[in-house]
Amino acid sequence: MRFTPRLWFFWGFLACTGLLLTAMYFQLVDGLEPCPLCISQRIAVFLVGVCFLSAAIHNPKDTGIKIYALLGALAALGGASISTRHVWLQHLPPDQVPECGPGLDYVFNNFPLSATIKLLLSGTGDCAKVDWTLLGFSMPAWTLVAFLSLAVLSLAQYWNRPGHSG
């Protein structure tokens, strides 16, 4: 069985779906409430997944594969930058952690969109708290690994195109 770009994009979509389902499990079953940066990362995973699913359904030819590969990689790298900020906040000394902000429900209902987006992308003191680890890495660190892997998977399709030599 040849692993065509269409199949790889579909596998990438399934990975994004798995990431989002895992996040929902931690929130709804384990009771871990997402901070602003967690929500931003979920949005980025969703965008990468939409790009991958669109590519799998569209099944484009050479130029389309290049475009989807670059769009998927850009979305994944955008998510990686959010994860990087989250990991950085978690490693700040306690006296340098930003103050905790109001709850997200309050922000969405009472702040202008620009302030809400700034909060979602910059994070608050809530984002510095480490609630869960696996092998010594926090959830944002694992999310960073996932985003970088998705970016590599996406860019690999640039060279996995039919008829591409070299």
N, C-alpha and C. Protein backbone atom coordinates (compact mmCIF):
# COMPACT_ATOMS: atom_id res chain seq x y z
N MET A 1 0.84 -1.18 0.00
CA MET A 1 0.00 0.00 0.00
C MET A 1 0.89 1.24 0.00
N ARG A 2 0.67 2.10 -0.95
CA ARG A 2 1.45 3.34 -1.05
C ARG A 2 0.82 4.40 -0.16
N PHE A 3 1.66 5.06 0.63
CA PHE A 3 1.19 6.13 1.51
C PHE A 3 1.19 7.44 0.74
N THR A 4 0.06 7.71 0.13
CA THR A 4 -0.10 8.92 -0.68
C THR A 4 -0.29 10.12 0.24
N PRO A 5 -0.10 11.33 -0.28
CA PRO A 5 -0.37 12.52 0.53
C PRO A 5 -1.79 12.51 1.09
N ARG A 6 -2.74 12.04 0.30
CA ARG A 6 -4.13 12.00 0.77
C ARG A 6 -4.24 11.17 2.05
N LEU A 7 -3.61 10.01 2.07
CA LEU A 7 -3.65 9.14 3.24
C LEU A 7 -2.92 9.77 4.42
N TRP A 8 -1.76 10.39 4.17
CA TRP A 8 -1.02 11.03 5.25
C TRP A 8 -1.80 12.21 5.83
N PHE A 9 -2.43 12.99 4.96
CA PHE A 9 -3.25 14.09 5.48
C PHE A 9 -4.40 13.55 6.32
N PHE A 10 -4.98 12.44 5.91
CA PHE A 10 -6.06 11.85 6.69
C PHE A 10 -5.55 11.38 8.05
N TRP A 11 -4.37 10.74 8.08
CA TRP A 11 -3.77 10.32 9.35
C TRP A 11 -3.50 11.53 10.23
N GLY A 12 -3.06 12.62 9.63
CA GLY A 12 -2.85 13.86 10.39
C GLY A 12 -4.14 14.37 10.99
N PHE A 13 -5.22 14.30 10.21
CA PHE A 13 -6.54 14.70 10.72
C PHE A 13 -6.93 13.82 11.91
N LEU A 14 -6.71 12.51 11.79
CA LEU A 14 -7.05 11.62 12.90
C LEU A 14 -6.21 11.93 14.14
N ALA A 15 -4.95 12.30 13.95
CA ALA A 15 -4.10 12.69 15.08
C ALA A 15 -4.67 13.93 15.76
N CYS A 16 -5.09 14.91 14.97
CA CYS A 16 -5.68 16.13 15.53
C CYS A 16 -6.97 15.81 16.29
N THR A 17 -7.77 14.92 15.73
CA THR A 17 -9.00 14.50 16.40
C THR A 17 -8.67 13.84 17.73
N GLY A 18 -7.65 13.00 17.74
CA GLY A 18 -7.22 12.34 18.97
C GLY A 18 -6.74 13.34 20.01
N LEU A 19 -6.00 14.36 19.57
CA LEU A 19 -5.54 15.39 20.50
C LEU A 19 -6.71 16.14 21.12
N LEU A 20 -7.69 16.50 20.29
CA LEU A 20 -8.85 17.23 20.82
C LEU A 20 -9.69 16.35 21.74
N LEU A 21 -9.85 15.09 21.42
CA LEU A 21 -10.59 14.18 22.29
C LEU A 21 -9.87 13.98 23.62
N THR A 22 -8.56 13.91 23.57
CA THR A 22 -7.77 13.79 24.80
C THR A 22 -7.94 15.02 25.67
N ALA A 23 -7.91 16.19 25.05
CA ALA A 23 -8.12 17.44 25.80
C ALA A 23 -9.49 17.45 26.45
N MET A 24 -10.50 17.00 25.72
CA MET A 24 -11.85 16.97 26.27
C MET A 24 -11.94 15.96 27.42
N TYR A 25 -11.24 14.84 27.30
CA TYR A 25 -11.21 13.87 28.39
C TYR A 25 -10.64 14.50 29.66
N PHE A 26 -9.49 15.16 29.52
CA PHE A 26 -8.88 15.79 30.69
C PHE A 26 -9.78 16.85 31.30
N GLN A 27 -10.52 17.55 30.47
CA GLN A 27 -11.40 18.59 30.98
C GLN A 27 -12.66 18.00 31.61
N LEU A 28 -13.34 17.12 30.91
CA LEU A 28 -14.64 16.64 31.36
C LEU A 28 -14.59 15.49 32.35
N VAL A 29 -13.57 14.63 32.24
CA VAL A 29 -13.48 13.47 33.12
C VAL A 29 -12.55 13.74 34.31
N ASP A 30 -11.37 14.30 34.02
CA ASP A 30 -10.40 14.56 35.10
C ASP A 30 -10.60 15.91 35.77
N GLY A 31 -11.43 16.76 35.18
CA GLY A 31 -11.73 18.05 35.80
C GLY A 31 -10.66 19.11 35.66
N LEU A 32 -9.76 18.98 34.69
CA LEU A 32 -8.73 19.99 34.46
C LEU A 32 -9.30 21.10 33.59
N GLU A 33 -9.53 22.25 34.16
CA GLU A 33 -10.08 23.38 33.40
C GLU A 33 -8.99 23.99 32.52
N PRO A 34 -9.28 24.23 31.26
CA PRO A 34 -8.26 24.79 30.37
C PRO A 34 -8.02 26.27 30.65
N CYS A 35 -6.77 26.67 30.59
CA CYS A 35 -6.40 28.08 30.73
C CYS A 35 -6.51 28.74 29.34
N PRO A 36 -6.30 30.06 29.25
CA PRO A 36 -6.40 30.72 27.94
C PRO A 36 -5.46 30.14 26.88
N LEU A 37 -4.23 29.81 27.28
CA LEU A 37 -3.30 29.26 26.29
C LEU A 37 -3.71 27.85 25.87
N CYS A 38 -4.30 27.08 26.78
CA CYS A 38 -4.80 25.74 26.43
C CYS A 38 -5.90 25.86 25.36
N ILE A 39 -6.78 26.82 25.55
CA ILE A 39 -7.86 27.02 24.57
C ILE A 39 -7.28 27.45 23.23
N SER A 40 -6.28 28.33 23.26
CA SER A 40 -5.63 28.75 22.01
C SER A 40 -4.99 27.58 21.29
N GLN A 41 -4.37 26.68 22.05
CA GLN A 41 -3.75 25.50 21.45
C GLN A 41 -4.81 24.57 20.85
N ARG A 42 -5.95 24.46 21.52
CA ARG A 42 -7.03 23.64 20.96
C ARG A 42 -7.52 24.22 19.65
N ILE A 43 -7.63 25.53 19.58
CA ILE A 43 -8.05 26.18 18.34
C ILE A 43 -7.04 25.89 17.24
N ALA A 44 -5.75 25.97 17.57
CA ALA A 44 -4.71 25.69 16.58
C ALA A 44 -4.77 24.23 16.11
N VAL A 45 -4.98 23.29 17.03
CA VAL A 45 -5.11 21.87 16.65
C VAL A 45 -6.30 21.71 15.72
N PHE A 46 -7.40 22.37 16.04
CA PHE A 46 -8.59 22.32 15.20
C PHE A 46 -8.28 22.84 13.79
N LEU A 47 -7.57 23.96 13.69
CA LEU A 47 -7.23 24.53 12.38
C LEU A 47 -6.34 23.60 11.58
N VAL A 48 -5.36 22.98 12.24
CA VAL A 48 -4.50 22.02 11.54
C VAL A 48 -5.35 20.85 11.06
N GLY A 49 -6.24 20.36 11.91
CA GLY A 49 -7.11 19.24 11.54
C GLY A 49 -8.01 19.58 10.36
N VAL A 50 -8.56 20.79 10.35
CA VAL A 50 -9.41 21.21 9.23
C VAL A 50 -8.60 21.26 7.94
N CYS A 51 -7.39 21.77 8.03
CA CYS A 51 -6.51 21.82 6.84
C CYS A 51 -6.24 20.40 6.33
N PHE A 52 -5.89 19.49 7.25
CA PHE A 52 -5.60 18.11 6.85
C PHE A 52 -6.82 17.42 6.27
N LEU A 53 -7.97 17.60 6.92
CA LEU A 53 -9.19 16.96 6.41
C LEU A 53 -9.56 17.52 5.04
N SER A 54 -9.42 18.83 4.87
CA SER A 54 -9.70 19.44 3.56
C SER A 54 -8.79 18.85 2.49
N ALA A 55 -7.52 18.67 2.82
CA ALA A 55 -6.58 18.09 1.85
C ALA A 55 -6.95 16.64 1.53
N ALA A 56 -7.34 15.88 2.55
CA ALA A 56 -7.70 14.48 2.32
C ALA A 56 -8.95 14.36 1.46
N ILE A 57 -9.94 15.21 1.71
CA ILE A 57 -11.17 15.17 0.92
C ILE A 57 -10.94 15.69 -0.49
N HIS A 58 -10.21 16.79 -0.60
CA HIS A 58 -9.96 17.42 -1.89
C HIS A 58 -9.09 16.55 -2.79
N ASN A 59 -8.13 15.84 -2.18
CA ASN A 59 -7.18 15.00 -2.93
C ASN A 59 -6.58 15.76 -4.10
N PRO A 60 -5.89 16.87 -3.81
CA PRO A 60 -5.38 17.71 -4.88
C PRO A 60 -4.20 17.08 -5.62
N LYS A 61 -3.87 17.71 -6.71
CA LYS A 61 -2.70 17.30 -7.48
C LYS A 61 -1.48 18.07 -6.96
N ASP A 62 -0.45 18.11 -7.73
CA ASP A 62 0.86 18.62 -7.32
C ASP A 62 0.82 19.99 -6.63
N THR A 63 0.28 20.99 -7.27
CA THR A 63 0.27 22.34 -6.69
C THR A 63 -0.59 22.41 -5.45
N GLY A 64 -1.73 21.73 -5.46
CA GLY A 64 -2.62 21.71 -4.31
C GLY A 64 -1.97 21.04 -3.10
N ILE A 65 -1.23 19.96 -3.34
CA ILE A 65 -0.53 19.29 -2.25
C ILE A 65 0.47 20.25 -1.62
N LYS A 66 1.20 20.98 -2.45
CA LYS A 66 2.16 21.96 -1.92
C LYS A 66 1.47 22.99 -1.04
N ILE A 67 0.35 23.50 -1.52
CA ILE A 67 -0.39 24.53 -0.77
C ILE A 67 -0.89 23.98 0.56
N TYR A 68 -1.52 22.81 0.53
CA TYR A 68 -2.02 22.21 1.77
C TYR A 68 -0.86 21.89 2.73
N ALA A 69 0.25 21.41 2.19
CA ALA A 69 1.41 21.10 3.03
C ALA A 69 1.91 22.35 3.73
N LEU A 70 2.00 23.45 3.00
CA LEU A 70 2.47 24.70 3.61
C LEU A 70 1.45 25.27 4.60
N LEU A 71 0.16 25.22 4.25
CA LEU A 71 -0.87 25.71 5.17
C LEU A 71 -0.91 24.90 6.46
N GLY A 72 -0.84 23.59 6.33
CA GLY A 72 -0.84 22.72 7.52
C GLY A 72 0.37 22.98 8.39
N ALA A 73 1.52 23.14 7.75
CA ALA A 73 2.75 23.41 8.52
C ALA A 73 2.67 24.77 9.21
N LEU A 74 2.16 25.78 8.51
CA LEU A 74 2.04 27.11 9.12
C LEU A 74 1.08 27.08 10.32
N ALA A 75 -0.04 26.40 10.18
CA ALA A 75 -0.98 26.30 11.30
C ALA A 75 -0.35 25.55 12.47
N ALA A 76 0.37 24.47 12.17
CA ALA A 76 1.03 23.70 13.24
C ALA A 76 2.13 24.52 13.90
N LEU A 77 2.88 25.28 13.13
CA LEU A 77 3.94 26.11 13.72
C LEU A 77 3.36 27.26 14.53
N GLY A 78 2.20 27.77 14.11
CA GLY A 78 1.50 28.77 14.92
C GLY A 78 1.11 28.18 16.27
N GLY A 79 0.58 26.96 16.25
CA GLY A 79 0.25 26.27 17.49
C GLY A 79 1.49 26.00 18.33
N ALA A 80 2.58 25.65 17.66
CA ALA A 80 3.83 25.40 18.38
C ALA A 80 4.32 26.66 19.08
N SER A 81 4.12 27.81 18.46
CA SER A 81 4.56 29.06 19.10
C SER A 81 3.73 29.34 20.36
N ILE A 82 2.44 29.02 20.33
CA ILE A 82 1.59 29.18 21.51
C ILE A 82 2.04 28.20 22.60
N SER A 83 2.32 26.96 22.21
CA SER A 83 2.79 25.97 23.18
C SER A 83 4.13 26.38 23.78
N THR A 84 4.99 26.95 22.96
CA THR A 84 6.29 27.41 23.46
C THR A 84 6.11 28.49 24.52
N ARG A 85 5.22 29.43 24.27
CA ARG A 85 4.94 30.47 25.28
C ARG A 85 4.41 29.82 26.56
N HIS A 86 3.53 28.84 26.42
CA HIS A 86 2.95 28.17 27.58
C HIS A 86 4.03 27.47 28.41
N VAL A 87 4.91 26.74 27.73
CA VAL A 87 6.01 26.06 28.42
C VAL A 87 6.91 27.09 29.10
N TRP A 88 7.18 28.20 28.43
CA TRP A 88 8.02 29.26 29.00
C TRP A 88 7.38 29.82 30.27
N LEU A 89 6.07 30.09 30.24
CA LEU A 89 5.38 30.58 31.43
C LEU A 89 5.48 29.59 32.58
N GLN A 90 5.41 28.30 32.27
CA GLN A 90 5.48 27.29 33.31
C GLN A 90 6.86 27.19 33.94
N HIS A 91 7.87 27.69 33.26
CA HIS A 91 9.23 27.61 33.78
C HIS A 91 9.72 28.93 34.39
N LEU A 92 8.85 29.92 34.46
CA LEU A 92 9.23 31.19 35.08
C LEU A 92 9.34 31.02 36.60
N PRO A 93 10.25 31.76 37.23
CA PRO A 93 10.26 31.76 38.69
C PRO A 93 8.92 32.32 39.20
N PRO A 94 8.45 31.84 40.35
CA PRO A 94 7.13 32.25 40.86
C PRO A 94 6.93 33.76 40.95
N ASP A 95 7.98 34.52 41.24
CA ASP A 95 7.83 35.97 41.37
C ASP A 95 7.70 36.68 40.03
N GLN A 96 7.95 35.96 38.92
CA GLN A 96 7.85 36.57 37.60
C GLN A 96 6.60 36.13 36.82
N VAL A 97 5.82 35.25 37.41
CA VAL A 97 4.59 34.78 36.75
C VAL A 97 3.58 35.92 36.70
N PRO A 98 2.96 36.15 35.53
CA PRO A 98 1.95 37.21 35.46
C PRO A 98 0.78 36.93 36.39
N GLU A 99 0.06 37.97 36.71
CA GLU A 99 -1.10 37.81 37.58
C GLU A 99 -2.18 37.01 36.87
N CYS A 100 -2.97 36.33 37.69
CA CYS A 100 -4.12 35.62 37.13
C CYS A 100 -5.17 36.63 36.71
N GLY A 101 -5.81 36.38 35.62
CA GLY A 101 -6.82 37.29 35.11
C GLY A 101 -8.22 36.82 35.47
N PRO A 102 -9.21 37.54 35.00
CA PRO A 102 -10.59 37.11 35.23
C PRO A 102 -10.88 35.83 34.46
N GLY A 103 -11.93 35.14 34.83
CA GLY A 103 -12.32 33.91 34.14
C GLY A 103 -12.65 34.17 32.68
N LEU A 104 -12.48 33.16 31.88
CA LEU A 104 -12.72 33.32 30.44
C LEU A 104 -14.17 33.68 30.12
N ASP A 105 -15.12 33.14 30.87
CA ASP A 105 -16.52 33.51 30.64
C ASP A 105 -16.70 35.02 30.80
N TYR A 106 -16.11 35.57 31.84
CA TYR A 106 -16.21 37.00 32.09
C TYR A 106 -15.55 37.80 30.96
N VAL A 107 -14.37 37.35 30.54
CA VAL A 107 -13.64 38.05 29.47
C VAL A 107 -14.45 38.03 28.17
N PHE A 108 -14.98 36.86 27.80
CA PHE A 108 -15.74 36.76 26.56
C PHE A 108 -16.99 37.65 26.58
N ASN A 109 -17.59 37.79 27.74
CA ASN A 109 -18.82 38.57 27.85
C ASN A 109 -18.61 40.07 28.04
N ASN A 110 -17.45 40.49 28.57
CA ASN A 110 -17.29 41.89 28.97
C ASN A 110 -16.11 42.63 28.35
N PHE A 111 -15.25 41.94 27.63
CA PHE A 111 -14.09 42.59 27.06
C PHE A 111 -14.24 42.69 25.54
N PRO A 112 -13.59 43.68 24.93
CA PRO A 112 -13.61 43.74 23.46
C PRO A 112 -12.84 42.54 22.87
N LEU A 113 -13.14 42.24 21.63
CA LEU A 113 -12.52 41.09 20.97
C LEU A 113 -11.00 41.18 20.99
N SER A 114 -10.44 42.36 20.77
CA SER A 114 -8.98 42.50 20.74
C SER A 114 -8.36 42.13 22.08
N ALA A 115 -9.00 42.53 23.18
CA ALA A 115 -8.48 42.19 24.51
C ALA A 115 -8.62 40.69 24.78
N THR A 116 -9.69 40.10 24.30
CA THR A 116 -9.91 38.67 24.48
C THR A 116 -8.85 37.88 23.72
N ILE A 117 -8.57 38.27 22.48
CA ILE A 117 -7.55 37.58 21.68
C ILE A 117 -6.18 37.74 22.32
N LYS A 118 -5.88 38.95 22.82
CA LYS A 118 -4.59 39.17 23.48
C LYS A 118 -4.44 38.24 24.69
N LEU A 119 -5.50 38.11 25.48
CA LEU A 119 -5.47 37.22 26.65
C LEU A 119 -5.27 35.78 26.22
N LEU A 120 -5.97 35.36 25.17
CA LEU A 120 -5.86 33.97 24.71
C LEU A 120 -4.46 33.65 24.20
N LEU A 121 -3.77 34.62 23.65
CA LEU A 121 -2.45 34.37 23.08
C LEU A 121 -1.30 34.65 24.04
N SER A 122 -1.52 35.49 25.05
CA SER A 122 -0.42 35.81 25.96
C SER A 122 -0.49 35.02 27.25
N GLY A 123 -1.68 34.60 27.66
CA GLY A 123 -1.81 33.79 28.86
C GLY A 123 -1.87 34.62 30.12
N THR A 124 -2.14 33.94 31.21
CA THR A 124 -2.22 34.58 32.53
C THR A 124 -1.45 33.70 33.51
N GLY A 125 -1.50 34.10 34.78
CA GLY A 125 -0.86 33.29 35.81
C GLY A 125 -1.43 31.88 35.88
N ASP A 126 -2.70 31.72 35.49
CA ASP A 126 -3.31 30.39 35.46
C ASP A 126 -2.52 29.45 34.54
N CYS A 127 -1.92 30.01 33.51
CA CYS A 127 -1.22 29.20 32.52
C CYS A 127 0.10 28.65 33.05
N ALA A 128 0.62 29.23 34.13
CA ALA A 128 1.90 28.79 34.68
C ALA A 128 1.76 27.56 35.57
N LYS A 129 0.54 27.22 35.93
CA LYS A 129 0.29 26.09 36.82
C LYS A 129 0.43 24.78 36.04
N VAL A 130 1.17 23.84 36.61
CA VAL A 130 1.32 22.52 35.99
C VAL A 130 0.42 21.54 36.74
N ASP A 131 -0.63 21.08 36.06
CA ASP A 131 -1.60 20.16 36.68
C ASP A 131 -1.33 18.70 36.37
N TRP A 132 -0.53 18.43 35.34
CA TRP A 132 -0.39 17.06 34.85
C TRP A 132 0.97 16.93 34.19
N THR A 133 1.62 15.78 34.39
CA THR A 133 2.88 15.50 33.69
C THR A 133 2.91 14.04 33.27
N LEU A 134 3.71 13.79 32.26
CA LEU A 134 3.99 12.43 31.79
C LEU A 134 5.46 12.40 31.44
N LEU A 135 6.19 11.51 32.06
CA LEU A 135 7.64 11.40 31.86
C LEU A 135 8.35 12.73 32.13
N GLY A 136 7.81 13.50 33.06
CA GLY A 136 8.42 14.76 33.46
C GLY A 136 8.06 15.95 32.60
N PHE A 137 7.25 15.74 31.58
CA PHE A 137 6.85 16.84 30.69
C PHE A 137 5.40 17.21 30.95
N SER A 138 5.12 18.52 30.95
CA SER A 138 3.76 19.00 31.16
C SER A 138 2.95 18.82 29.87
N MET A 139 1.65 19.02 30.01
CA MET A 139 0.77 18.90 28.85
C MET A 139 1.16 19.86 27.72
N PRO A 140 1.48 21.15 28.02
CA PRO A 140 1.90 22.04 26.93
C PRO A 140 3.19 21.58 26.25
N ALA A 141 4.08 20.94 27.00
CA ALA A 141 5.32 20.43 26.38
C ALA A 141 4.98 19.30 25.41
N TRP A 142 4.08 18.42 25.80
CA TRP A 142 3.67 17.34 24.89
C TRP A 142 2.91 17.91 23.69
N THR A 143 2.13 18.95 23.93
CA THR A 143 1.42 19.58 22.82
C THR A 143 2.41 20.21 21.84
N LEU A 144 3.49 20.79 22.36
CA LEU A 144 4.54 21.34 21.50
C LEU A 144 5.14 20.24 20.63
N VAL A 145 5.41 19.09 21.23
CA VAL A 145 5.94 17.95 20.45
C VAL A 145 4.93 17.55 19.37
N ALA A 146 3.65 17.52 19.73
CA ALA A 146 2.62 17.15 18.75
C ALA A 146 2.56 18.15 17.60
N PHE A 147 2.61 19.45 17.92
CA PHE A 147 2.58 20.46 16.85
C PHE A 147 3.78 20.35 15.93
N LEU A 148 4.96 20.15 16.50
CA LEU A 148 6.16 20.02 15.66
C LEU A 148 6.07 18.76 14.80
N SER A 149 5.53 17.68 15.34
CA SER A 149 5.34 16.45 14.56
C SER A 149 4.34 16.66 13.43
N LEU A 150 3.25 17.38 13.72
CA LEU A 150 2.26 17.66 12.67
C LEU A 150 2.85 18.55 11.58
N ALA A 151 3.70 19.50 11.96
CA ALA A 151 4.35 20.35 10.96
C ALA A 151 5.26 19.52 10.06
N VAL A 152 6.02 18.61 10.67
CA VAL A 152 6.91 17.74 9.87
C VAL A 152 6.08 16.85 8.95
N LEU A 153 5.01 16.26 9.48
CA LEU A 153 4.14 15.41 8.67
C LEU A 153 3.58 16.19 7.48
N SER A 154 3.17 17.42 7.74
CA SER A 154 2.60 18.24 6.68
C SER A 154 3.65 18.58 5.62
N LEU A 155 4.81 19.05 6.08
CA LEU A 155 5.87 19.41 5.12
C LEU A 155 6.39 18.20 4.35
N ALA A 156 6.36 17.04 4.97
CA ALA A 156 6.82 15.83 4.27
C ALA A 156 5.98 15.56 3.02
N GLN A 157 4.72 16.01 3.02
CA GLN A 157 3.86 15.79 1.86
C GLN A 157 4.32 16.63 0.67
N TYR A 158 5.07 17.68 0.95
CA TYR A 158 5.63 18.51 -0.11
C TYR A 158 6.53 17.66 -1.01
N TRP A 159 7.23 16.70 -0.38
CA TRP A 159 8.14 15.83 -1.12
C TRP A 159 7.52 14.47 -1.42
N ASN A 160 6.35 14.19 -0.89
CA ASN A 160 5.67 12.92 -1.10
C ASN A 160 4.70 12.98 -2.27
N ARG A 161 4.76 14.03 -3.03
CA ARG A 161 3.82 14.21 -4.15
C ARG A 161 4.11 13.19 -5.27
N PRO A 162 3.05 12.75 -5.95
CA PRO A 162 3.26 11.86 -7.08
C PRO A 162 4.12 12.55 -8.14
N GLY A 163 5.05 11.83 -8.64
CA GLY A 163 5.89 12.40 -9.71
C GLY A 163 7.02 13.26 -9.21
N HIS A 164 7.11 13.49 -7.90
CA HIS A 164 8.20 14.29 -7.35
C HIS A 164 9.44 13.41 -7.28
N SER A 165 10.51 13.89 -7.86
CA SER A 165 11.76 13.12 -7.81
C SER A 165 12.80 13.94 -7.07
N GLY A 166 13.39 13.33 -6.06
CA GLY A 166 14.48 13.99 -5.35
C GLY A 166 14.03 14.55 -4.12
